[in-house]
Each structure stands twice: as structure tokens, then as C-alpha cells.
Amino acid sequence: MLQDVGLDTYDANVALGFKPDDRNYEVTAAMLSKIGVKSIRLLSNNPDKANQLIKFGIVIERLVPLELEANPYNIHYLEAKRERFDHILTLKGEPKRDVCGCNQ
């Protein structure tokens, strides 16, 4: 509801008393390790997700951002993700960001 009245994802989470992004990938890394996965190619725009997985022992061979076309309905959400959460997003008319492997 807070986003419906104009707050972006970051401010809405903070207004509710949460961290801007309170996700934790320790259990994810433990599950991957449990089944013998040592390295992955991560399909994500979220560098924090990659950094947490690396911190918990998963090698990220490559971070592959998922791009989608911005439109009037999602542009503010995408801008907030990029500007406030440092997500890897290229919005219309911008050059693509070069994303290298995380452990190189």
C-alpha cells in the first residue's frame, strides 16, 4: 500500500520498520553446499545476493543480469532498484553495463 501512495521499495520497507533489503542467503548457500554445488552462474540483477553467496562459500562463476523492458508501470520500481539497491539494470536509451564474473 505504501508503494501505491508513492513510496519506492526502499522507503516502504524502512517505513514499515524493516531494513531496505532484509533478505539473507545463508540458508540458500547451505542448501547448495549440502547437495554438492560449489559454483554457480547466478541469474540476478542483485549484486548483494552474489556477495552474500560468495561470503557463505559459493563461487559465482558469472553474474548474469536479467533485463526487461521498462514501461510506465514499472519504471519507478526499476529506477529505485537500480539507484537505491545498486541492482544491475539498464533502462531504455542507456548503454548496457558490462558485467564481469564475480570471482575474477
PDB file of N, CA and C in Angstrom:
ATOM      1  N   MET A   1       0.823  -1.199   0.000  1.00  0.00           N
ATOM      2  CA  MET A   1       0.000   0.000   0.000  1.00  0.00           C
ATOM      3  C   MET A   1       0.865   1.261   0.000  1.00  0.00           C
ATOM      4  N   LEU A   2       2.012   1.191   0.686  1.00  0.00           N
ATOM      5  CA  LEU A   2       2.876   2.370   0.727  1.00  0.00           C
ATOM      6  C   LEU A   2       3.420   2.710  -0.653  1.00  0.00           C
ATOM      7  N   GLN A   3       3.693   1.696  -1.445  1.00  0.00           N
ATOM      8  CA  GLN A   3       4.154   1.957  -2.804  1.00  0.00           C
ATOM      9  C   GLN A   3       3.026   2.540  -3.645  1.00  0.00           C
ATOM     10  N   ASP A   4       1.800   2.151  -3.372  1.00  0.00           N
ATOM     11  CA  ASP A   4       0.660   2.699  -4.108  1.00  0.00           C
ATOM     12  C   ASP A   4       0.477   4.190  -3.863  1.00  0.00           C
ATOM     13  N   VAL A   5       0.960   4.680  -2.715  1.00  0.00           N
ATOM     14  CA  VAL A   5       0.836   6.107  -2.422  1.00  0.00           C
ATOM     15  C   VAL A   5       2.122   6.871  -2.689  1.00  0.00           C
ATOM     16  N   GLY A   6       3.090   6.227  -3.364  1.00  0.00           N
ATOM     17  CA  GLY A   6       4.246   6.961  -3.840  1.00  0.00           C
ATOM     18  C   GLY A   6       5.602   6.595  -3.276  1.00  0.00           C
ATOM     19  N   LEU A   7       5.664   5.779  -2.218  1.00  0.00           N
ATOM     20  CA  LEU A   7       6.979   5.393  -1.710  1.00  0.00           C
ATOM     21  C   LEU A   7       7.590   4.339  -2.613  1.00  0.00           C
ATOM     22  N   ASP A   8       8.913   4.396  -2.754  1.00  0.00           N
ATOM     23  CA  ASP A   8       9.568   3.330  -3.513  1.00  0.00           C
ATOM     24  C   ASP A   8       9.807   2.140  -2.580  1.00  0.00           C
ATOM     25  N   THR A   9      10.347   1.065  -3.119  1.00  0.00           N
ATOM     26  CA  THR A   9      10.557  -0.163  -2.359  1.00  0.00           C
ATOM     27  C   THR A   9      11.418   0.083  -1.127  1.00  0.00           C
ATOM     28  N   TYR A  10      12.471   0.833  -1.287  1.00  0.00           N
ATOM     29  CA  TYR A  10      13.395   1.144  -0.200  1.00  0.00           C
ATOM     30  C   TYR A  10      12.658   1.861   0.939  1.00  0.00           C
ATOM     31  N   ASP A  11      12.016   2.989   0.612  1.00  0.00           N
ATOM     32  CA  ASP A  11      11.343   3.787   1.638  1.00  0.00           C
ATOM     33  C   ASP A  11      10.161   3.055   2.270  1.00  0.00           C
ATOM     34  N   ALA A  12       9.456   2.247   1.492  1.00  0.00           N
ATOM     35  CA  ALA A  12       8.329   1.487   2.037  1.00  0.00           C
ATOM     36  C   ALA A  12       8.825   0.484   3.075  1.00  0.00           C
ATOM     37  N   ASN A  13       9.903  -0.219   2.785  1.00  0.00           N
ATOM     38  CA  ASN A  13      10.448  -1.176   3.744  1.00  0.00           C
ATOM     39  C   ASN A  13      10.888  -0.480   5.032  1.00  0.00           C
ATOM     40  N   VAL A  14      11.587   0.641   4.894  1.00  0.00           N
ATOM     41  CA  VAL A  14      12.052   1.389   6.060  1.00  0.00           C
ATOM     42  C   VAL A  14      10.859   1.920   6.869  1.00  0.00           C
ATOM     43  N   ALA A  15       9.840   2.434   6.188  1.00  0.00           N
ATOM     44  CA  ALA A  15       8.649   2.948   6.879  1.00  0.00           C
ATOM     45  C   ALA A  15       7.945   1.867   7.690  1.00  0.00           C
ATOM     46  N   LEU A  16       8.067   0.623   7.253  1.00  0.00           N
ATOM     47  CA  LEU A  16       7.462  -0.499   7.968  1.00  0.00           C
ATOM     48  C   LEU A  16       8.367  -1.037   9.083  1.00  0.00           C
ATOM     49  N   GLY A  17       9.541  -0.426   9.245  1.00  0.00           N
ATOM     50  CA  GLY A  17      10.448  -0.831  10.310  1.00  0.00           C
ATOM     51  C   GLY A  17      11.439  -1.909   9.918  1.00  0.00           C
ATOM     52  N   PHE A  18      11.545  -2.175   8.623  1.00  0.00           N
ATOM     53  CA  PHE A  18      12.476  -3.185   8.131  1.00  0.00           C
ATOM     54  C   PHE A  18      13.721  -2.519   7.572  1.00  0.00           C
ATOM     55  N   LYS A  19      14.763  -3.321   7.359  1.00  0.00           N
ATOM     56  CA  LYS A  19      15.913  -2.849   6.600  1.00  0.00           C
ATOM     57  C   LYS A  19      15.447  -2.661   5.158  1.00  0.00           C
ATOM     58  N   PRO A  20      16.167  -1.830   4.382  1.00  0.00           N
ATOM     59  CA  PRO A  20      15.766  -1.657   2.980  1.00  0.00           C
ATOM     60  C   PRO A  20      15.660  -2.991   2.229  1.00  0.00           C
ATOM     61  N   ASP A  21      16.576  -3.910   2.491  1.00  0.00           N
ATOM     62  CA  ASP A  21      16.502  -5.259   1.927  1.00  0.00           C
ATOM     63  C   ASP A  21      17.000  -6.210   3.000  1.00  0.00           C
ATOM     64  N   ASP A  22      16.097  -6.932   3.599  1.00  0.00           N
ATOM     65  CA  ASP A  22      16.409  -7.769   4.752  1.00  0.00           C
ATOM     66  C   ASP A  22      16.649  -9.234   4.383  1.00  0.00           C
ATOM     67  N   ARG A  23      16.786  -9.501   3.084  1.00  0.00           N
ATOM     68  CA  ARG A  23      16.978 -10.891   2.670  1.00  0.00           C
ATOM     69  C   ARG A  23      18.368 -11.377   3.043  1.00  0.00           C
ATOM     70  N   ASN A  24      18.448 -12.662   3.357  1.00  0.00           N
ATOM     71  CA  ASN A  24      19.686 -13.294   3.759  1.00  0.00           C
ATOM     72  C   ASN A  24      19.796 -14.606   2.988  1.00  0.00           C
ATOM     73  N   TYR A  25      20.961 -14.859   2.418  1.00  0.00           N
ATOM     74  CA  TYR A  25      21.144 -16.022   1.553  1.00  0.00           C
ATOM     75  C   TYR A  25      22.005 -17.116   2.192  1.00  0.00           C
ATOM     76  N   GLU A  26      22.154 -17.074   3.519  1.00  0.00           N
ATOM     77  CA  GLU A  26      22.949 -18.083   4.206  1.00  0.00           C
ATOM     78  C   GLU A  26      22.331 -19.472   4.058  1.00  0.00           C
ATOM     79  N   VAL A  27      21.028 -19.591   4.225  1.00  0.00           N
ATOM     80  CA  VAL A  27      20.360 -20.892   4.089  1.00  0.00           C
ATOM     81  C   VAL A  27      20.460 -21.379   2.641  1.00  0.00           C
ATOM     82  N   THR A  28      20.326 -20.472   1.695  1.00  0.00           N
ATOM     83  CA  THR A  28      20.459 -20.836   0.282  1.00  0.00           C
ATOM     84  C   THR A  28      21.834 -21.438   0.024  1.00  0.00           C
ATOM     85  N   ALA A  29      22.871 -20.763   0.515  1.00  0.00           N
ATOM     86  CA  ALA A  29      24.241 -21.267   0.331  1.00  0.00           C
ATOM     87  C   ALA A  29      24.418 -22.625   1.009  1.00  0.00           C
ATOM     88  N   ALA A  30      23.847 -22.783   2.195  1.00  0.00           N
ATOM     89  CA  ALA A  30      23.952 -24.061   2.912  1.00  0.00           C
ATOM     90  C   ALA A  30      23.258 -25.181   2.136  1.00  0.00           C
ATOM     91  N   MET A  31      22.106 -24.883   1.551  1.00  0.00           N
ATOM     92  CA  MET A  31      21.386 -25.884   0.767  1.00  0.00           C
ATOM     93  C   MET A  31      22.199 -26.278  -0.469  1.00  0.00           C
ATOM     94  N   LEU A  32      22.766 -25.300  -1.152  1.00  0.00           N
ATOM     95  CA  LEU A  32      23.582 -25.603  -2.325  1.00  0.00           C
ATOM     96  C   LEU A  32      24.792 -26.453  -1.931  1.00  0.00           C
ATOM     97  N   SER A  33      25.439 -26.081  -0.854  1.00  0.00           N
ATOM     98  CA  SER A  33      26.592 -26.856  -0.384  1.00  0.00           C
ATOM     99  C   SER A  33      26.192 -28.277  -0.014  1.00  0.00           C
ATOM    100  N   LYS A  34      25.054 -28.428   0.629  1.00  0.00           N
ATOM    101  CA  LYS A  34      24.569 -29.739   1.065  1.00  0.00           C
ATOM    102  C   LYS A  34      24.398 -30.705  -0.104  1.00  0.00           C
ATOM    103  N   ILE A  35      23.982 -30.176  -1.258  1.00  0.00           N
ATOM    104  CA  ILE A  35      23.791 -31.043  -2.426  1.00  0.00           C
ATOM    105  C   ILE A  35      25.022 -31.074  -3.337  1.00  0.00           C
ATOM    106  N   GLY A  36      26.124 -30.505  -2.845  1.00  0.00           N
ATOM    107  CA  GLY A  36      27.390 -30.609  -3.563  1.00  0.00           C
ATOM    108  C   GLY A  36      27.674 -29.526  -4.583  1.00  0.00           C
ATOM    109  N   VAL A  37      26.858 -28.490  -4.611  1.00  0.00           N
ATOM    110  CA  VAL A  37      27.091 -27.399  -5.558  1.00  0.00           C
ATOM    111  C   VAL A  37      28.171 -26.482  -4.985  1.00  0.00           C
ATOM    112  N   LYS A  38      29.228 -26.307  -5.748  1.00  0.00           N
ATOM    113  CA  LYS A  38      30.352 -25.465  -5.303  1.00  0.00           C
ATOM    114  C   LYS A  38      30.376 -24.112  -6.004  1.00  0.00           C
ATOM    115  N   SER A  39      29.884 -24.084  -7.250  1.00  0.00           N
ATOM    116  CA  SER A  39      29.888 -22.828  -8.004  1.00  0.00           C
ATOM    117  C   SER A  39      28.632 -22.767  -8.871  1.00  0.00           C
ATOM    118  N   ILE A  40      28.240 -21.536  -9.169  1.00  0.00           N
ATOM    119  CA  ILE A  40      27.023 -21.319  -9.958  1.00  0.00           C
ATOM    120  C   ILE A  40      27.210 -20.154 -10.913  1.00  0.00           C
ATOM    121  N   ARG A  41      26.366 -20.115 -11.905  1.00  0.00           N
ATOM    122  CA  ARG A  41      26.177 -18.924 -12.726  1.00  0.00           C
ATOM    123  C   ARG A  41      24.866 -18.343 -12.224  1.00  0.00           C
ATOM    124  N   LEU A  42      24.907 -17.180 -11.628  1.00  0.00           N
ATOM    125  CA  LEU A  42      23.752 -16.594 -10.947  1.00  0.00           C
ATOM    126  C   LEU A  42      22.991 -15.663 -11.886  1.00  0.00           C
ATOM    127  N   LEU A  43      21.732 -15.978 -12.127  1.00  0.00           N
ATOM    128  CA  LEU A  43      20.857 -15.133 -12.921  1.00  0.00           C
ATOM    129  C   LEU A  43      20.170 -14.167 -11.974  1.00  0.00           C
ATOM    130  N   SER A  44      20.681 -12.953 -11.886  1.00  0.00           N
ATOM    131  CA  SER A  44      20.142 -11.968 -10.943  1.00  0.00           C
ATOM    132  C   SER A  44      20.664 -10.587 -11.286  1.00  0.00           C
ATOM    133  N   ASN A  45      19.898  -9.579 -10.901  1.00  0.00           N
ATOM    134  CA  ASN A  45      20.328  -8.182 -11.018  1.00  0.00           C
ATOM    135  C   ASN A  45      20.905  -7.681  -9.701  1.00  0.00           C
ATOM    136  N   ASN A  46      20.895  -8.528  -8.674  1.00  0.00           N
ATOM    137  CA  ASN A  46      21.188  -8.104  -7.321  1.00  0.00           C
ATOM    138  C   ASN A  46      22.619  -8.478  -6.910  1.00  0.00           C
ATOM    139  N   PRO A  47      23.543  -7.515  -6.914  1.00  0.00           N
ATOM    140  CA  PRO A  47      24.914  -7.824  -6.529  1.00  0.00           C
ATOM    141  C   PRO A  47      25.036  -8.236  -5.059  1.00  0.00           C
ATOM    142  N   ASP A  48      24.132  -7.768  -4.205  1.00  0.00           N
ATOM    143  CA  ASP A  48      24.176  -8.173  -2.801  1.00  0.00           C
ATOM    144  C   ASP A  48      23.922  -9.675  -2.659  1.00  0.00           C
ATOM    145  N   LYS A  49      23.035 -10.202  -3.473  1.00  0.00           N
ATOM    146  CA  LYS A  49      22.775 -11.648  -3.455  1.00  0.00           C
ATOM    147  C   LYS A  49      24.060 -12.404  -3.790  1.00  0.00           C
ATOM    148  N   ALA A  50      24.752 -11.957  -4.827  1.00  0.00           N
ATOM    149  CA  ALA A  50      26.014 -12.601  -5.214  1.00  0.00           C
ATOM    150  C   ALA A  50      27.043 -12.476  -4.098  1.00  0.00           C
ATOM    151  N   ASN A  51      27.174 -11.295  -3.527  1.00  0.00           N
ATOM    152  CA  ASN A  51      28.167 -11.081  -2.473  1.00  0.00           C
ATOM    153  C   ASN A  51      27.887 -11.944  -1.245  1.00  0.00           C
ATOM    154  N   GLN A  52      26.609 -12.083  -0.886  1.00  0.00           N
ATOM    155  CA  GLN A  52      26.273 -12.934   0.260  1.00  0.00           C
ATOM    156  C   GLN A  52      26.583 -14.399  -0.034  1.00  0.00           C
ATOM    157  N   LEU A  53      26.229 -14.864  -1.228  1.00  0.00           N
ATOM    158  CA  LEU A  53      26.518 -16.255  -1.571  1.00  0.00           C
ATOM    159  C   LEU A  53      28.024 -16.519  -1.544  1.00  0.00           C
ATOM    160  N   ILE A  54      28.808 -15.574  -2.052  1.00  0.00           N
ATOM    161  CA  ILE A  54      30.269 -15.701  -2.005  1.00  0.00           C
ATOM    162  C   ILE A  54      30.733 -15.751  -0.547  1.00  0.00           C
ATOM    163  N   LYS A  55      30.201 -14.866   0.280  1.00  0.00           N
ATOM    164  CA  LYS A  55      30.568 -14.828   1.696  1.00  0.00           C
ATOM    165  C   LYS A  55      30.287 -16.169   2.381  1.00  0.00           C
ATOM    166  N   PHE A  56      29.229 -16.837   1.950  1.00  0.00           N
ATOM    167  CA  PHE A  56      28.854 -18.111   2.558  1.00  0.00           C
ATOM    168  C   PHE A  56      29.431 -19.316   1.806  1.00  0.00           C
ATOM    169  N   GLY A  57      30.422 -19.071   0.927  1.00  0.00           N
ATOM    170  CA  GLY A  57      31.193 -20.159   0.360  1.00  0.00           C
ATOM    171  C   GLY A  57      30.823 -20.645  -1.029  1.00  0.00           C
ATOM    172  N   ILE A  58      29.896 -19.996  -1.688  1.00  0.00           N
ATOM    173  CA  ILE A  58      29.521 -20.386  -3.048  1.00  0.00           C
ATOM    174  C   ILE A  58      30.316 -19.527  -4.033  1.00  0.00           C
ATOM    175  N   VAL A  59      30.958 -20.155  -4.984  1.00  0.00           N
ATOM    176  CA  VAL A  59      31.697 -19.435  -6.019  1.00  0.00           C
ATOM    177  C   VAL A  59      30.703 -19.008  -7.098  1.00  0.00           C
ATOM    178  N   ILE A  60      30.708 -17.730  -7.418  1.00  0.00           N
ATOM    179  CA  ILE A  60      29.867 -17.220  -8.500  1.00  0.00           C
ATOM    180  C   ILE A  60      30.747 -17.138  -9.740  1.00  0.00           C
ATOM    181  N   GLU A  61      30.537 -18.056 -10.665  1.00  0.00           N
ATOM    182  CA  GLU A  61      31.328 -18.064 -11.902  1.00  0.00           C
ATOM    183  C   GLU A  61      31.015 -16.842 -12.749  1.00  0.00           C
ATOM    184  N   ARG A  62      29.762 -16.453 -12.741  1.00  0.00           N
ATOM    185  CA  ARG A  62      29.339 -15.278 -13.511  1.00  0.00           C
ATOM    186  C   ARG A  62      28.002 -14.802 -12.980  1.00  0.00           C
ATOM    187  N   LEU A  63      27.854 -13.473 -12.887  1.00  0.00           N
ATOM    188  CA  LEU A  63      26.581 -12.853 -12.539  1.00  0.00           C
ATOM    189  C   LEU A  63      25.933 -12.400 -13.840  1.00  0.00           C
ATOM    190  N   VAL A  64      24.769 -12.961 -14.145  1.00  0.00           N
ATOM    191  CA  VAL A  64      24.069 -12.664 -15.398  1.00  0.00           C
ATOM    192  C   VAL A  64      22.817 -11.858 -15.070  1.00  0.00           C
ATOM    193  N   PRO A  65      22.837 -10.552 -15.345  1.00  0.00           N
ATOM    194  CA  PRO A  65      21.659  -9.749 -15.040  1.00  0.00           C
ATOM    195  C   PRO A  65      20.486 -10.108 -15.951  1.00  0.00           C
ATOM    196  N   LEU A  66      19.301 -10.023 -15.405  1.00  0.00           N
ATOM    197  CA  LEU A  66      18.074 -10.285 -16.149  1.00  0.00           C
ATOM    198  C   LEU A  66      17.463  -8.945 -16.540  1.00  0.00           C
ATOM    199  N   GLU A  67      17.470  -8.666 -17.813  1.00  0.00           N
ATOM    200  CA  GLU A  67      16.978  -7.376 -18.288  1.00  0.00           C
ATOM    201  C   GLU A  67      15.536  -7.494 -18.761  1.00  0.00           C
ATOM    202  N   LEU A  68      14.763  -6.464 -18.487  1.00  0.00           N
ATOM    203  CA  LEU A  68      13.414  -6.399 -19.004  1.00  0.00           C
ATOM    204  C   LEU A  68      13.133  -4.965 -19.418  1.00  0.00           C
ATOM    205  N   GLU A  69      12.184  -4.825 -20.290  1.00  0.00           N
ATOM    206  CA  GLU A  69      11.846  -3.504 -20.832  1.00  0.00           C
ATOM    207  C   GLU A  69      11.097  -2.682 -19.786  1.00  0.00           C
ATOM    208  N   ALA A  70      11.581  -1.475 -19.550  1.00  0.00           N
ATOM    209  CA  ALA A  70      10.869  -0.566 -18.656  1.00  0.00           C
ATOM    210  C   ALA A  70       9.614  -0.053 -19.355  1.00  0.00           C
ATOM    211  N   ASN A  71       8.588   0.179 -18.560  1.00  0.00           N
ATOM    212  CA  ASN A  71       7.347   0.742 -19.083  1.00  0.00           C
ATOM    213  C   ASN A  71       6.785   1.694 -18.033  1.00  0.00           C
ATOM    214  N   PRO A  72       5.728   2.410 -18.354  1.00  0.00           N
ATOM    215  CA  PRO A  72       5.194   3.391 -17.387  1.00  0.00           C
ATOM    216  C   PRO A  72       4.777   2.767 -16.051  1.00  0.00           C
ATOM    217  N   TYR A  73       4.493   1.484 -16.031  1.00  0.00           N
ATOM    218  CA  TYR A  73       4.032   0.829 -14.809  1.00  0.00           C
ATOM    219  C   TYR A  73       5.172   0.353 -13.909  1.00  0.00           C
ATOM    220  N   ASN A  74       6.353   0.115 -14.485  1.00  0.00           N
ATOM    221  CA  ASN A  74       7.443  -0.416 -13.660  1.00  0.00           C
ATOM    222  C   ASN A  74       8.681   0.483 -13.605  1.00  0.00           C
ATOM    223  N   ILE A  75       8.677   1.607 -14.306  1.00  0.00           N
ATOM    224  CA  ILE A  75       9.873   2.439 -14.395  1.00  0.00           C
ATOM    225  C   ILE A  75      10.345   2.933 -13.028  1.00  0.00           C
ATOM    226  N   HIS A  76       9.434   3.365 -12.168  1.00  0.00           N
ATOM    227  CA  HIS A  76       9.843   3.880 -10.858  1.00  0.00           C
ATOM    228  C   HIS A  76      10.398   2.762  -9.976  1.00  0.00           C
ATOM    229  N   TYR A  77       9.804   1.588 -10.070  1.00  0.00           N
ATOM    230  CA  TYR A  77      10.299   0.420  -9.337  1.00  0.00           C
ATOM    231  C   TYR A  77      11.715   0.066  -9.798  1.00  0.00           C
ATOM    232  N   LEU A  78      11.917   0.018 -11.118  1.00  0.00           N
ATOM    233  CA  LEU A  78      13.228  -0.325 -11.659  1.00  0.00           C
ATOM    234  C   LEU A  78      14.271   0.736 -11.313  1.00  0.00           C
ATOM    235  N   GLU A  79      13.883   2.010 -11.381  1.00  0.00           N
ATOM    236  CA  GLU A  79      14.815   3.076 -11.015  1.00  0.00           C
ATOM    237  C   GLU A  79      15.222   2.973  -9.548  1.00  0.00           C
ATOM    238  N   ALA A  80      14.266   2.673  -8.679  1.00  0.00           N
ATOM    239  CA  ALA A  80      14.585   2.513  -7.257  1.00  0.00           C
ATOM    240  C   ALA A  80      15.517   1.327  -7.039  1.00  0.00           C
ATOM    241  N   LYS A  81      15.249   0.226  -7.725  1.00  0.00           N
ATOM    242  CA  LYS A  81      16.119  -0.950  -7.585  1.00  0.00           C
ATOM    243  C   LYS A  81      17.540  -0.615  -8.031  1.00  0.00           C
ATOM    244  N   ARG A  82      17.660   0.116  -9.125  1.00  0.00           N
ATOM    245  CA  ARG A  82      18.989   0.441  -9.639  1.00  0.00           C
ATOM    246  C   ARG A  82      19.688   1.488  -8.772  1.00  0.00           C
ATOM    247  N   GLU A  83      18.991   2.570  -8.466  1.00  0.00           N
ATOM    248  CA  GLU A  83      19.626   3.700  -7.785  1.00  0.00           C
ATOM    249  C   GLU A  83      19.790   3.472  -6.280  1.00  0.00           C
ATOM    250  N   ARG A  84      18.851   2.795  -5.658  1.00  0.00           N
ATOM    251  CA  ARG A  84      18.880   2.679  -4.203  1.00  0.00           C
ATOM    252  C   ARG A  84      19.393   1.333  -3.709  1.00  0.00           C
ATOM    253  N   PHE A  85      19.322   0.312  -4.563  1.00  0.00           N
ATOM    254  CA  PHE A  85      19.787  -1.016  -4.177  1.00  0.00           C
ATOM    255  C   PHE A  85      20.986  -1.460  -5.011  1.00  0.00           C
ATOM    256  N   ASP A  86      21.425  -0.623  -5.936  1.00  0.00           N
ATOM    257  CA  ASP A  86      22.571  -0.893  -6.808  1.00  0.00           C
ATOM    258  C   ASP A  86      22.372  -2.128  -7.686  1.00  0.00           C
ATOM    259  N   HIS A  87      21.111  -2.410  -8.047  1.00  0.00           N
ATOM    260  CA  HIS A  87      20.861  -3.532  -8.949  1.00  0.00           C
ATOM    261  C   HIS A  87      21.400  -3.211 -10.340  1.00  0.00           C
ATOM    262  N   ILE A  88      21.773  -4.236 -11.050  1.00  0.00           N
ATOM    263  CA  ILE A  88      22.335  -4.085 -12.388  1.00  0.00           C
ATOM    264  C   ILE A  88      21.165  -4.023 -13.368  1.00  0.00           C
ATOM    265  N   LEU A  89      20.807  -2.821 -13.746  1.00  0.00           N
ATOM    266  CA  LEU A  89      19.688  -2.611 -14.667  1.00  0.00           C
ATOM    267  C   LEU A  89      20.060  -1.545 -15.685  1.00  0.00           C
ATOM    268  N   THR A  90      19.735  -1.791 -16.924  1.00  0.00           N
ATOM    269  CA  THR A  90      19.922  -0.814 -17.982  1.00  0.00           C
ATOM    270  C   THR A  90      18.537  -0.368 -18.415  1.00  0.00           C
ATOM    271  N   LEU A  91      18.259   0.892 -18.249  1.00  0.00           N
ATOM    272  CA  LEU A  91      16.951   1.399 -18.646  1.00  0.00           C
ATOM    273  C   LEU A  91      17.019   1.946 -20.068  1.00  0.00           C
ATOM    274  N   LYS A  92      15.888   2.119 -20.679  1.00  0.00           N
ATOM    275  CA  LYS A  92      15.794   2.473 -22.095  1.00  0.00           C
ATOM    276  C   LYS A  92      16.698   3.649 -22.453  1.00  0.00           C
ATOM    277  N   GLY A  93      17.434   3.469 -23.542  1.00  0.00           N
ATOM    278  CA  GLY A  93      18.283   4.530 -24.057  1.00  0.00           C
ATOM    279  C   GLY A  93      19.671   4.582 -23.437  1.00  0.00           C
ATOM    280  N   GLU A  94      19.948   3.720 -22.472  1.00  0.00           N
ATOM    281  CA  GLU A  94      21.252   3.713 -21.835  1.00  0.00           C
ATOM    282  C   GLU A  94      22.103   2.585 -22.416  1.00  0.00           C
ATOM    283  N   PRO A  95      23.424   2.750 -22.398  1.00  0.00           N
ATOM    284  CA  PRO A  95      24.270   1.643 -22.843  1.00  0.00           C
ATOM    285  C   PRO A  95      24.228   0.509 -21.821  1.00  0.00           C
ATOM    286  N   LYS A  96      24.365  -0.710 -22.286  1.00  0.00           N
ATOM    287  CA  LYS A  96      24.395  -1.888 -21.399  1.00  0.00           C
ATOM    288  C   LYS A  96      25.636  -1.819 -20.519  1.00  0.00           C
ATOM    289  N   ARG A  97      25.481  -2.179 -19.239  1.00  0.00           N
ATOM    290  CA  ARG A  97      26.618  -2.265 -18.334  1.00  0.00           C
ATOM    291  C   ARG A  97      27.359  -3.552 -18.577  1.00  0.00           C
ATOM    292  N   ASP A  98      28.671  -3.473 -18.577  1.00  0.00           N
ATOM    293  CA  ASP A  98      29.494  -4.670 -18.722  1.00  0.00           C
ATOM    294  C   ASP A  98      29.578  -5.341 -17.350  1.00  0.00           C
ATOM    295  N   VAL A  99      29.158  -6.587 -17.278  1.00  0.00           N
ATOM    296  CA  VAL A  99      29.176  -7.305 -16.004  1.00  0.00           C
ATOM    297  C   VAL A  99      30.154  -8.463 -16.128  1.00  0.00           C
ATOM    298  N   CYS A 100      31.202  -8.405 -15.338  1.00  0.00           N
ATOM    299  CA  CYS A 100      32.194  -9.476 -15.382  1.00  0.00           C
ATOM    300  C   CYS A 100      31.857 -10.530 -14.343  1.00  0.00           C
ATOM    301  N   GLY A 101      32.571 -11.630 -14.360  1.00  0.00           N
ATOM    302  CA  GLY A 101      32.396 -12.671 -13.347  1.00  0.00           C
ATOM    303  C   GLY A 101      32.771 -12.140 -11.979  1.00  0.00           C
ATOM    304  N   CYS A 102      32.086 -12.590 -10.959  1.00  0.00           N
ATOM    305  CA  CYS A 102      32.295 -12.077  -9.593  1.00  0.00           C
ATOM    306  C   CYS A 102      33.625 -12.478  -8.982  1.00  0.00           C
ATOM    307  N   ASN A 103      34.144 -13.637  -9.342  1.00  0.00           N
ATOM    308  CA  ASN A 103      35.360 -14.129  -8.708  1.00  0.00           C
ATOM    309  C   ASN A 103      36.575 -14.013  -9.612  1.00  0.00           C
ATOM    310  N   GLN A 104      36.531 -13.134 -10.572  1.00  0.00           N
ATOM    311  CA  GLN A 104      37.665 -12.996 -11.491  1.00  0.00           C
ATOM    312  C   GLN A 104      38.597 -11.911 -10.987  1.00  0.00           C
TER     313      GLN A 104
END
